[in-house]
């Protein structure tokens, strides 16, 4: 099955996309060049078969193989406990932002499942690995910027201190999205927290780039800083 999927990937190869996507993922040299919609289709086709064979045998030689593995786990109709078992094997394999973010955005959780998902994610809070931390942050951004979890999310963000570029960019991304949901709380968080200057500046940059922030707010932030906003 693994060899069949690999052969299919090379049949779907788009060399111009390979070059484009490789430039977006510096240091990742095993990209075949298959677009995401086609990878999702392959994952869905595997889910109609005995996909466990693929999960057990995949060698993760190519970027796309790891992406398909993650997409299968995210979209499979299995219990949360089974999904968590699969994720424990998968998350350490993540070595770039694209696989992390694409897989994270592919889950569909019921509201009543969120507490179990949250408890599962918390194990990555103390991780020392760049993309395990990014996985935690992007999952929180995608599913937990809701009122019941907002303070817990900020508590975890405040506890993460590292020099990893892709981790810190994910923090800035999360905070900028959080700002559009609860501006007053994020302004207060930015004032009180001890974020690195890099994360702080990237957060402001992403807020200014957001289409969900008014031109008036952006102008105030540019002129006097985010502390100049009134609520």
Foldseek 3Di string as FASTA:
>chain_A
DQVVVVVVLLVQADVVQQVVVCVVWDPADQERHHDPVVLLVVLVVCLVDVVVVLLVPPPPSHPSSLLSLLLNLQPHPDDPVVSLVSVVVNQVVDDTDVSLLVSLLRHDDDPVCVVVVVVSLVVLLPPPDQRNLLSSLNNCLNPPLDPVCVVVSLVSLLSDDDDRPSNLLSSLVSLLSSCLVPVVVSLVSLVPGDDDPVSSVSNLVVNLVDPSDDPVQNVQCVPPRNVSDDD
